[in-house]
Amino acid sequence: MRLTEVRYGDGTPIDGYGPGFFRVGGTVHEGAVLVLPGSVTSWQGYDAHDPIAGAAERIDVILVGTGAEIGPIPEPFRAKIEAAGIGIEIMASAAACRTYNVLLGEGRRIGAALLPV
């Protein structure tokens, strides 16, 4: 079997996660994190939808990691993101990290908003 190195282009892969942290592009971020093309910042949760909506020209879909288990997101958050023309996929944060890396490796225009596990 031959393994091929995955190339992420301009994106930053999520290297790992654990209780209360995410490691993105080799840097550990405590708490919730927002990963968008060209930036990795702390995320203040569902009330902080403006940075995501503002990335509408750079992403098609935002993966929302709801923590250790999949859970609902507030309707006002969903409405603001969808009004910006961005699709939303909701999943547990661990699944969101894995899915983000796969889609990033495919060259997709993707972002991730992750609550800690």
N, C-alpha and C. Protein backbone atom coordinates (compact mmCIF):
# COMPACT_ATOMS: atom_id res chain seq x y z
N MET A 1 0.84 -1.17 0.00
CA MET A 1 0.00 0.00 0.00
C MET A 1 0.89 1.23 0.00
N ARG A 2 0.51 2.21 -0.78
CA ARG A 2 1.27 3.46 -0.86
C ARG A 2 0.47 4.57 -0.20
N LEU A 3 1.09 5.28 0.72
CA LEU A 3 0.45 6.41 1.37
C LEU A 3 0.88 7.68 0.68
N THR A 4 -0.08 8.57 0.50
CA THR A 4 0.20 9.83 -0.15
C THR A 4 0.03 10.96 0.86
N GLU A 5 0.97 11.87 0.86
CA GLU A 5 0.89 13.01 1.76
C GLU A 5 -0.28 13.90 1.36
N VAL A 6 -1.06 14.32 2.35
CA VAL A 6 -2.18 15.21 2.11
C VAL A 6 -1.66 16.64 2.10
N ARG A 7 -2.08 17.39 1.12
CA ARG A 7 -1.71 18.80 1.03
C ARG A 7 -2.97 19.63 1.27
N TYR A 8 -2.81 20.64 2.12
CA TYR A 8 -3.96 21.44 2.50
C TYR A 8 -4.00 22.80 1.82
N GLY A 9 -3.13 23.07 0.90
CA GLY A 9 -3.13 24.36 0.21
C GLY A 9 -2.93 25.49 1.20
N ASP A 10 -3.79 26.48 1.14
CA ASP A 10 -3.68 27.63 2.04
C ASP A 10 -4.38 27.40 3.38
N GLY A 11 -5.07 26.28 3.52
CA GLY A 11 -5.81 26.00 4.75
C GLY A 11 -4.91 25.52 5.88
N THR A 12 -5.45 25.57 7.08
CA THR A 12 -4.73 25.12 8.26
C THR A 12 -5.42 23.89 8.82
N PRO A 13 -4.76 22.74 8.88
CA PRO A 13 -5.40 21.53 9.39
C PRO A 13 -5.55 21.55 10.91
N ILE A 14 -6.53 20.81 11.38
CA ILE A 14 -6.71 20.61 12.82
C ILE A 14 -5.91 19.37 13.18
N ASP A 15 -4.87 19.56 13.98
CA ASP A 15 -3.94 18.48 14.31
C ASP A 15 -4.43 17.60 15.44
N GLY A 16 -5.24 18.13 16.33
CA GLY A 16 -5.69 17.33 17.46
C GLY A 16 -6.64 18.12 18.35
N TYR A 17 -7.19 17.44 19.33
CA TYR A 17 -8.11 18.05 20.28
C TYR A 17 -8.12 17.20 21.54
N GLY A 18 -8.58 17.80 22.61
CA GLY A 18 -8.69 17.09 23.88
C GLY A 18 -9.58 17.89 24.80
N PRO A 19 -9.64 17.51 26.05
CA PRO A 19 -10.52 18.22 26.99
C PRO A 19 -10.17 19.70 27.08
N GLY A 20 -11.00 20.54 26.49
CA GLY A 20 -10.83 21.98 26.61
C GLY A 20 -9.87 22.63 25.64
N PHE A 21 -9.33 21.90 24.65
CA PHE A 21 -8.39 22.52 23.72
C PHE A 21 -8.48 21.91 22.33
N PHE A 22 -7.95 22.67 21.36
CA PHE A 22 -7.78 22.21 19.98
C PHE A 22 -6.35 22.58 19.58
N ARG A 23 -5.70 21.72 18.79
CA ARG A 23 -4.39 22.04 18.23
C ARG A 23 -4.59 22.23 16.73
N VAL A 24 -4.36 23.44 16.27
CA VAL A 24 -4.60 23.81 14.88
C VAL A 24 -3.31 24.34 14.29
N GLY A 25 -2.84 23.70 13.23
CA GLY A 25 -1.60 24.13 12.60
C GLY A 25 -0.42 24.12 13.55
N GLY A 26 -0.43 23.20 14.52
CA GLY A 26 0.67 23.07 15.47
C GLY A 26 0.57 23.95 16.70
N THR A 27 -0.45 24.81 16.78
CA THR A 27 -0.62 25.71 17.92
C THR A 27 -1.83 25.28 18.74
N VAL A 28 -1.66 25.22 20.05
CA VAL A 28 -2.75 24.84 20.95
C VAL A 28 -3.61 26.06 21.26
N HIS A 29 -4.92 25.89 21.13
CA HIS A 29 -5.90 26.93 21.44
C HIS A 29 -6.82 26.40 22.53
N GLU A 30 -6.85 27.09 23.66
CA GLU A 30 -7.73 26.70 24.77
C GLU A 30 -9.14 27.18 24.49
N GLY A 31 -10.13 26.36 24.82
CA GLY A 31 -11.53 26.75 24.66
C GLY A 31 -12.01 26.62 23.24
N ALA A 32 -13.11 27.30 22.95
CA ALA A 32 -13.73 27.25 21.62
C ALA A 32 -12.83 27.95 20.60
N VAL A 33 -12.87 27.45 19.36
CA VAL A 33 -11.99 27.99 18.32
C VAL A 33 -12.77 28.12 17.01
N LEU A 34 -12.40 29.16 16.25
CA LEU A 34 -12.98 29.40 14.94
C LEU A 34 -11.85 29.30 13.91
N VAL A 35 -11.99 28.38 12.97
CA VAL A 35 -10.98 28.15 11.95
C VAL A 35 -11.57 28.56 10.60
N LEU A 36 -11.02 29.61 10.05
CA LEU A 36 -11.45 30.11 8.74
C LEU A 36 -10.22 30.23 7.85
N PRO A 37 -10.41 30.31 6.53
CA PRO A 37 -9.24 30.46 5.67
C PRO A 37 -8.40 31.67 6.08
N GLY A 38 -7.15 31.43 6.40
CA GLY A 38 -6.24 32.50 6.77
C GLY A 38 -6.28 32.93 8.21
N SER A 39 -7.15 32.32 9.04
CA SER A 39 -7.19 32.73 10.44
C SER A 39 -7.67 31.61 11.36
N VAL A 40 -7.11 31.61 12.55
CA VAL A 40 -7.54 30.71 13.63
C VAL A 40 -7.63 31.59 14.87
N THR A 41 -8.84 31.73 15.42
CA THR A 41 -9.06 32.60 16.57
C THR A 41 -9.93 31.91 17.60
N SER A 42 -9.95 32.46 18.79
CA SER A 42 -10.90 31.94 19.78
C SER A 42 -12.30 32.32 19.30
N TRP A 43 -13.26 31.52 19.68
CA TRP A 43 -14.65 31.74 19.27
C TRP A 43 -15.48 31.95 20.52
N GLN A 44 -16.30 32.95 20.51
CA GLN A 44 -17.11 33.29 21.68
C GLN A 44 -18.45 32.57 21.69
N GLY A 45 -18.65 31.61 20.81
CA GLY A 45 -19.88 30.82 20.80
C GLY A 45 -20.92 31.37 19.84
N TYR A 46 -22.13 30.91 20.04
CA TYR A 46 -23.21 31.17 19.08
C TYR A 46 -23.58 32.64 18.92
N ASP A 47 -23.26 33.48 19.87
CA ASP A 47 -23.53 34.91 19.71
C ASP A 47 -22.51 35.58 18.79
N ALA A 48 -21.42 34.91 18.51
CA ALA A 48 -20.34 35.46 17.67
C ALA A 48 -20.48 34.93 16.24
N HIS A 49 -21.55 35.32 15.58
CA HIS A 49 -21.79 34.85 14.21
C HIS A 49 -21.21 35.78 13.15
N ASP A 50 -20.90 37.04 13.52
CA ASP A 50 -20.41 38.00 12.53
C ASP A 50 -19.12 37.57 11.83
N PRO A 51 -18.11 37.03 12.55
CA PRO A 51 -16.89 36.61 11.83
C PRO A 51 -17.17 35.50 10.81
N ILE A 52 -18.12 34.65 11.12
CA ILE A 52 -18.46 33.56 10.19
C ILE A 52 -19.19 34.13 8.98
N ALA A 53 -20.22 34.93 9.23
CA ALA A 53 -20.97 35.54 8.13
C ALA A 53 -20.07 36.40 7.26
N GLY A 54 -19.08 37.04 7.87
CA GLY A 54 -18.15 37.89 7.13
C GLY A 54 -17.20 37.11 6.23
N ALA A 55 -17.15 35.80 6.42
CA ALA A 55 -16.28 34.95 5.59
C ALA A 55 -17.02 34.34 4.41
N ALA A 56 -18.21 34.83 4.12
CA ALA A 56 -19.05 34.23 3.08
C ALA A 56 -18.38 34.18 1.71
N GLU A 57 -17.48 35.10 1.42
CA GLU A 57 -16.81 35.08 0.11
C GLU A 57 -15.67 34.07 0.08
N ARG A 58 -15.31 33.51 1.26
CA ARG A 58 -14.19 32.58 1.33
C ARG A 58 -14.59 31.16 1.67
N ILE A 59 -15.80 30.97 2.22
CA ILE A 59 -16.23 29.61 2.57
C ILE A 59 -17.64 29.35 2.04
N ASP A 60 -17.91 28.08 1.78
CA ASP A 60 -19.25 27.66 1.36
C ASP A 60 -20.01 27.01 2.51
N VAL A 61 -19.25 26.37 3.43
CA VAL A 61 -19.86 25.62 4.52
C VAL A 61 -19.06 25.86 5.80
N ILE A 62 -19.78 25.97 6.92
CA ILE A 62 -19.15 26.01 8.23
C ILE A 62 -19.56 24.74 8.98
N LEU A 63 -18.58 24.04 9.49
CA LEU A 63 -18.85 22.88 10.33
C LEU A 63 -18.93 23.38 11.77
N VAL A 64 -20.02 23.11 12.44
CA VAL A 64 -20.21 23.54 13.81
C VAL A 64 -20.08 22.32 14.71
N GLY A 65 -19.02 22.31 15.52
CA GLY A 65 -18.80 21.25 16.49
C GLY A 65 -19.44 21.65 17.80
N THR A 66 -20.42 20.87 18.26
CA THR A 66 -21.22 21.24 19.42
C THR A 66 -20.69 20.68 20.74
N GLY A 67 -19.45 20.21 20.75
CA GLY A 67 -18.87 19.66 21.97
C GLY A 67 -18.72 18.16 21.90
N ALA A 68 -18.82 17.51 23.04
CA ALA A 68 -18.60 16.06 23.11
C ALA A 68 -19.66 15.27 22.34
N GLU A 69 -20.85 15.81 22.25
CA GLU A 69 -21.93 15.14 21.53
C GLU A 69 -22.63 16.13 20.61
N ILE A 70 -23.30 15.60 19.60
CA ILE A 70 -24.05 16.47 18.71
C ILE A 70 -25.21 17.07 19.49
N GLY A 71 -25.47 18.32 19.23
CA GLY A 71 -26.56 19.01 19.90
C GLY A 71 -27.12 20.08 19.01
N PRO A 72 -28.25 20.64 19.40
CA PRO A 72 -28.87 21.69 18.58
C PRO A 72 -28.10 23.01 18.67
N ILE A 73 -28.29 23.84 17.66
CA ILE A 73 -27.72 25.18 17.69
C ILE A 73 -28.88 26.17 17.74
N PRO A 74 -28.66 27.36 18.28
CA PRO A 74 -29.74 28.35 18.36
C PRO A 74 -30.20 28.79 16.97
N GLU A 75 -31.50 28.93 16.82
CA GLU A 75 -32.07 29.33 15.53
C GLU A 75 -31.56 30.70 15.05
N PRO A 76 -31.39 31.70 15.91
CA PRO A 76 -30.85 32.98 15.42
C PRO A 76 -29.44 32.84 14.81
N PHE A 77 -28.62 31.96 15.39
CA PHE A 77 -27.28 31.71 14.84
C PHE A 77 -27.41 31.11 13.45
N ARG A 78 -28.23 30.08 13.33
CA ARG A 78 -28.44 29.42 12.03
C ARG A 78 -28.94 30.42 11.00
N ALA A 79 -29.92 31.23 11.38
CA ALA A 79 -30.52 32.18 10.44
C ALA A 79 -29.49 33.19 9.92
N LYS A 80 -28.63 33.71 10.80
CA LYS A 80 -27.61 34.68 10.38
C LYS A 80 -26.61 34.07 9.41
N ILE A 81 -26.19 32.85 9.69
CA ILE A 81 -25.20 32.18 8.83
C ILE A 81 -25.81 31.85 7.47
N GLU A 82 -27.01 31.29 7.49
CA GLU A 82 -27.66 30.94 6.22
C GLU A 82 -28.00 32.19 5.41
N ALA A 83 -28.37 33.29 6.08
CA ALA A 83 -28.65 34.54 5.36
C ALA A 83 -27.41 35.07 4.64
N ALA A 84 -26.23 34.73 5.15
CA ALA A 84 -24.98 35.13 4.51
C ALA A 84 -24.63 34.22 3.33
N GLY A 85 -25.43 33.16 3.12
CA GLY A 85 -25.18 32.25 2.01
C GLY A 85 -24.23 31.11 2.34
N ILE A 86 -24.04 30.85 3.63
CA ILE A 86 -23.13 29.78 4.06
C ILE A 86 -23.95 28.60 4.57
N GLY A 87 -23.61 27.41 4.11
CA GLY A 87 -24.26 26.21 4.61
C GLY A 87 -23.71 25.84 5.99
N ILE A 88 -24.52 25.13 6.77
CA ILE A 88 -24.12 24.73 8.12
C ILE A 88 -24.27 23.22 8.25
N GLU A 89 -23.23 22.60 8.78
CA GLU A 89 -23.28 21.18 9.13
C GLU A 89 -22.99 21.07 10.62
N ILE A 90 -23.87 20.44 11.36
CA ILE A 90 -23.75 20.32 12.81
C ILE A 90 -23.32 18.90 13.15
N MET A 91 -22.33 18.79 14.04
CA MET A 91 -21.87 17.48 14.48
C MET A 91 -21.10 17.63 15.78
N ALA A 92 -20.79 16.54 16.41
CA ALA A 92 -19.92 16.59 17.59
C ALA A 92 -18.57 17.16 17.15
N SER A 93 -17.88 17.81 18.07
CA SER A 93 -16.63 18.49 17.72
C SER A 93 -15.57 17.54 17.16
N ALA A 94 -15.46 16.33 17.71
CA ALA A 94 -14.47 15.38 17.19
C ALA A 94 -14.75 15.05 15.73
N ALA A 95 -16.00 14.81 15.40
CA ALA A 95 -16.38 14.52 14.02
C ALA A 95 -16.16 15.74 13.13
N ALA A 96 -16.43 16.92 13.66
CA ALA A 96 -16.22 18.14 12.88
C ALA A 96 -14.75 18.33 12.54
N CYS A 97 -13.85 18.02 13.49
CA CYS A 97 -12.41 18.13 13.23
C CYS A 97 -12.00 17.19 12.10
N ARG A 98 -12.43 15.96 12.18
CA ARG A 98 -12.06 14.98 11.15
C ARG A 98 -12.63 15.36 9.79
N THR A 99 -13.90 15.75 9.76
CA THR A 99 -14.55 16.14 8.52
C THR A 99 -13.89 17.37 7.91
N TYR A 100 -13.55 18.32 8.75
CA TYR A 100 -12.87 19.54 8.29
C TYR A 100 -11.58 19.17 7.55
N ASN A 101 -10.77 18.31 8.14
CA ASN A 101 -9.49 17.95 7.51
C ASN A 101 -9.70 17.23 6.18
N VAL A 102 -10.68 16.36 6.12
CA VAL A 102 -10.95 15.64 4.86
C VAL A 102 -11.37 16.64 3.78
N LEU A 103 -12.31 17.51 4.10
CA LEU A 103 -12.79 18.47 3.11
C LEU A 103 -11.71 19.48 2.73
N LEU A 104 -10.91 19.91 3.70
CA LEU A 104 -9.80 20.81 3.41
C LEU A 104 -8.81 20.14 2.46
N GLY A 105 -8.52 18.87 2.69
CA GLY A 105 -7.62 18.12 1.82
C GLY A 105 -8.15 17.97 0.41
N GLU A 106 -9.47 18.05 0.26
CA GLU A 106 -10.10 17.99 -1.07
C GLU A 106 -10.15 19.36 -1.74
N GLY A 107 -9.67 20.39 -1.03
CA GLY A 107 -9.67 21.72 -1.61
C GLY A 107 -10.98 22.46 -1.46
N ARG A 108 -11.85 21.99 -0.58
CA ARG A 108 -13.16 22.63 -0.38
C ARG A 108 -13.01 23.93 0.39
N ARG A 109 -13.95 24.84 0.19
CA ARG A 109 -13.99 26.13 0.88
C ARG A 109 -14.76 25.94 2.19
N ILE A 110 -14.02 25.67 3.25
CA ILE A 110 -14.61 25.18 4.49
C ILE A 110 -14.11 26.00 5.69
N GLY A 111 -14.92 26.04 6.73
CA GLY A 111 -14.53 26.62 8.01
C GLY A 111 -15.07 25.75 9.11
N ALA A 112 -14.57 25.97 10.33
CA ALA A 112 -15.04 25.21 11.49
C ALA A 112 -15.18 26.11 12.69
N ALA A 113 -16.31 25.99 13.36
CA ALA A 113 -16.58 26.68 14.63
C ALA A 113 -16.75 25.57 15.67
N LEU A 114 -15.82 25.48 16.61
CA LEU A 114 -15.74 24.30 17.48
C LEU A 114 -15.84 24.64 18.95
N LEU A 115 -16.80 24.03 19.63
CA LEU A 115 -16.87 24.09 21.08
C LEU A 115 -16.04 22.95 21.63
N PRO A 116 -15.37 23.15 22.76
CA PRO A 116 -14.47 22.10 23.28
C PRO A 116 -15.22 20.85 23.71
N VAL A 117 -14.49 19.73 23.66
CA VAL A 117 -15.03 18.44 24.10
C VAL A 117 -14.80 18.28 25.59
